[in-house]
Amino acid sequence: MYWITPYVRMAFEVYNWLIIIRVFMSWIPHNPYNPIFRFLYEITEPVLAPFRRLMGKYSVGIDFSPVMALIVLQIIESVLLNLLRSI
C-alpha cells in the first residue's frame, strides 16, 4: 500500500489549496453564479459547513472555519498516511 501514499498526499494538498483559494475569493467582489466560484463552493462547503456551525456559537465576526478545517484535514491526512505505511 506504500505506492498509494503519494496520491493520498496529493489529494489532501489539492483540497487544502481549494479551501485557501475559496478564502481569498471571499475577500474580493465576485459573481456567485460564476462556474469557478460555484465549483469551489460546492466542493469545499461540505467540509466547511460543520466547522461553521460549530464555531457559530463563538463567532466574533471572523470565519475561522477554514482554519479549523485545514487543521483537522492535516490531522486526518497524517493518521491516514501512517495507517497506509503500516499496512
C-alpha atoms as a PDB file:
ATOM      1  CA  MET A   1       0.000   0.000   0.000  1.00  0.00           C
ATOM      2  CA  TYR A   2       3.034   2.266   0.117  1.00  0.00           C
ATOM      3  CA  TRP A   3       2.504   3.215  -3.545  1.00  0.00           C
ATOM      4  CA  ILE A   4      -0.809   4.929  -2.769  1.00  0.00           C
ATOM      5  CA  THR A   5       0.583   7.397  -0.202  1.00  0.00           C
ATOM      6  CA  PRO A   6       1.733   9.999  -2.770  1.00  0.00           C
ATOM      7  CA  TYR A   7      -1.775  10.056  -4.251  1.00  0.00           C
ATOM      8  CA  VAL A   8      -3.390  10.479  -0.851  1.00  0.00           C
ATOM      9  CA  ARG A   9      -0.956  13.264  -0.009  1.00  0.00           C
ATOM     10  CA  MET A  10      -1.680  14.962  -3.358  1.00  0.00           C
ATOM     11  CA  ALA A  11      -5.460  14.728  -2.847  1.00  0.00           C
ATOM     12  CA  PHE A  12      -5.206  16.412   0.564  1.00  0.00           C
ATOM     13  CA  GLU A  13      -2.845  19.046  -0.855  1.00  0.00           C
ATOM     14  CA  VAL A  14      -5.276  19.903  -3.661  1.00  0.00           C
ATOM     15  CA  TYR A  15      -8.206  20.095  -1.246  1.00  0.00           C
ATOM     16  CA  ASN A  16      -6.233  22.347   1.117  1.00  0.00           C
ATOM     17  CA  TRP A  17      -5.464  24.691  -1.783  1.00  0.00           C
ATOM     18  CA  LEU A  18      -9.136  24.735  -2.814  1.00  0.00           C
ATOM     19  CA  ILE A  19     -10.061  25.899   0.688  1.00  0.00           C
ATOM     20  CA  ILE A  20      -7.333  28.565   0.630  1.00  0.00           C
ATOM     21  CA  ILE A  21      -8.445  29.809  -2.792  1.00  0.00           C
ATOM     22  CA  ARG A  22     -12.040  29.994  -1.547  1.00  0.00           C
ATOM     23  CA  VAL A  23     -10.907  32.141   1.373  1.00  0.00           C
ATOM     24  CA  PHE A  24      -9.075  34.545  -0.946  1.00  0.00           C
ATOM     25  CA  MET A  25     -12.037  34.691  -3.327  1.00  0.00           C
ATOM     26  CA  SER A  26     -14.312  35.640  -0.430  1.00  0.00           C
ATOM     27  CA  TRP A  27     -12.264  38.802   0.072  1.00  0.00           C
ATOM     28  CA  ILE A  28     -12.921  40.149  -3.408  1.00  0.00           C
ATOM     29  CA  PRO A  29     -16.214  41.007  -5.114  1.00  0.00           C
ATOM     30  CA  HIS A  30     -17.327  38.216  -7.417  1.00  0.00           C
ATOM     31  CA  ASN A  31     -20.311  36.844  -9.256  1.00  0.00           C
ATOM     32  CA  PRO A  32     -21.711  33.976  -7.138  1.00  0.00           C
ATOM     33  CA  TYR A  33     -23.005  32.325 -10.316  1.00  0.00           C
ATOM     34  CA  ASN A  34     -19.552  32.142 -11.859  1.00  0.00           C
ATOM     35  CA  PRO A  35     -18.820  28.447 -12.581  1.00  0.00           C
ATOM     36  CA  ILE A  36     -15.400  28.605 -10.927  1.00  0.00           C
ATOM     37  CA  PHE A  37     -16.775  30.060  -7.705  1.00  0.00           C
ATOM     38  CA  ARG A  38     -19.702  27.630  -7.715  1.00  0.00           C
ATOM     39  CA  PHE A  39     -17.279  24.723  -8.128  1.00  0.00           C
ATOM     40  CA  LEU A  40     -15.141  25.935  -5.217  1.00  0.00           C
ATOM     41  CA  TYR A  41     -18.212  26.471  -3.067  1.00  0.00           C
ATOM     42  CA  GLU A  42     -19.752  23.087  -3.863  1.00  0.00           C
ATOM     43  CA  ILE A  43     -16.513  21.159  -3.331  1.00  0.00           C
ATOM     44  CA  THR A  44     -15.477  22.855  -0.073  1.00  0.00           C
ATOM     45  CA  GLU A  45     -18.799  23.597   1.627  1.00  0.00           C
ATOM     46  CA  PRO A  46     -19.419  20.005   2.825  1.00  0.00           C
ATOM     47  CA  VAL A  47     -16.217  20.217   4.886  1.00  0.00           C
ATOM     48  CA  LEU A  48     -16.518  23.851   5.984  1.00  0.00           C
ATOM     49  CA  ALA A  49     -20.213  23.817   6.974  1.00  0.00           C
ATOM     50  CA  PRO A  50     -19.830  21.605  10.081  1.00  0.00           C
ATOM     51  CA  PHE A  51     -16.984  23.796  11.352  1.00  0.00           C
ATOM     52  CA  ARG A  52     -19.007  26.928  10.652  1.00  0.00           C
ATOM     53  CA  ARG A  53     -21.932  25.530  12.649  1.00  0.00           C
ATOM     54  CA  LEU A  54     -19.597  24.541  15.478  1.00  0.00           C
ATOM     55  CA  MET A  55     -17.855  27.923  15.528  1.00  0.00           C
ATOM     56  CA  GLY A  56     -21.145  29.840  15.108  1.00  0.00           C
ATOM     57  CA  LYS A  57     -21.650  29.975  18.858  1.00  0.00           C
ATOM     58  CA  TYR A  58     -18.300  31.649  19.353  1.00  0.00           C
ATOM     59  CA  SER A  59     -18.359  33.878  16.283  1.00  0.00           C
ATOM     60  CA  VAL A  60     -16.718  37.286  16.565  1.00  0.00           C
ATOM     61  CA  GLY A  61     -17.364  38.380  13.003  1.00  0.00           C
ATOM     62  CA  ILE A  62     -14.480  36.400  11.520  1.00  0.00           C
ATOM     63  CA  ASP A  63     -14.996  32.994   9.909  1.00  0.00           C
ATOM     64  CA  PHE A  64     -12.408  30.639  11.393  1.00  0.00           C
ATOM     65  CA  SER A  65     -13.967  27.527   9.839  1.00  0.00           C
ATOM     66  CA  PRO A  66     -11.328  27.296   7.058  1.00  0.00           C
ATOM     67  CA  VAL A  67      -8.526  27.384   9.631  1.00  0.00           C
ATOM     68  CA  MET A  68     -10.174  24.690  11.717  1.00  0.00           C
ATOM     69  CA  ALA A  69     -10.892  22.592   8.619  1.00  0.00           C
ATOM     70  CA  LEU A  70      -7.275  22.827   7.455  1.00  0.00           C
ATOM     71  CA  ILE A  71      -6.000  21.739  10.866  1.00  0.00           C
ATOM     72  CA  VAL A  72      -8.378  18.782  11.050  1.00  0.00           C
ATOM     73  CA  LEU A  73      -7.590  17.795   7.453  1.00  0.00           C
ATOM     74  CA  GLN A  74      -3.872  17.774   8.281  1.00  0.00           C
ATOM     75  CA  ILE A  75      -4.517  15.531  11.275  1.00  0.00           C
ATOM     76  CA  ILE A  76      -6.653  13.160   9.176  1.00  0.00           C
ATOM     77  CA  GLU A  77      -4.002  13.110   6.447  1.00  0.00           C
ATOM     78  CA  SER A  78      -1.280  12.265   8.948  1.00  0.00           C
ATOM     79  CA  VAL A  79      -3.284   9.452  10.536  1.00  0.00           C
ATOM     80  CA  LEU A  80      -4.293   8.044   7.159  1.00  0.00           C
ATOM     81  CA  LEU A  81      -0.739   8.124   5.822  1.00  0.00           C
ATOM     82  CA  ASN A  82       0.568   6.411   8.944  1.00  0.00           C
ATOM     83  CA  LEU A  83      -2.087   3.714   8.589  1.00  0.00           C
ATOM     84  CA  LEU A  84      -1.206   3.171   4.925  1.00  0.00           C
ATOM     85  CA  ARG A  85       2.502   2.919   5.736  1.00  0.00           C
ATOM     86  CA  SER A  86       1.856   0.350   8.446  1.00  0.00           C
ATOM     87  CA  ILE A  87      -0.077  -1.960   6.125  1.00  0.00           C
END
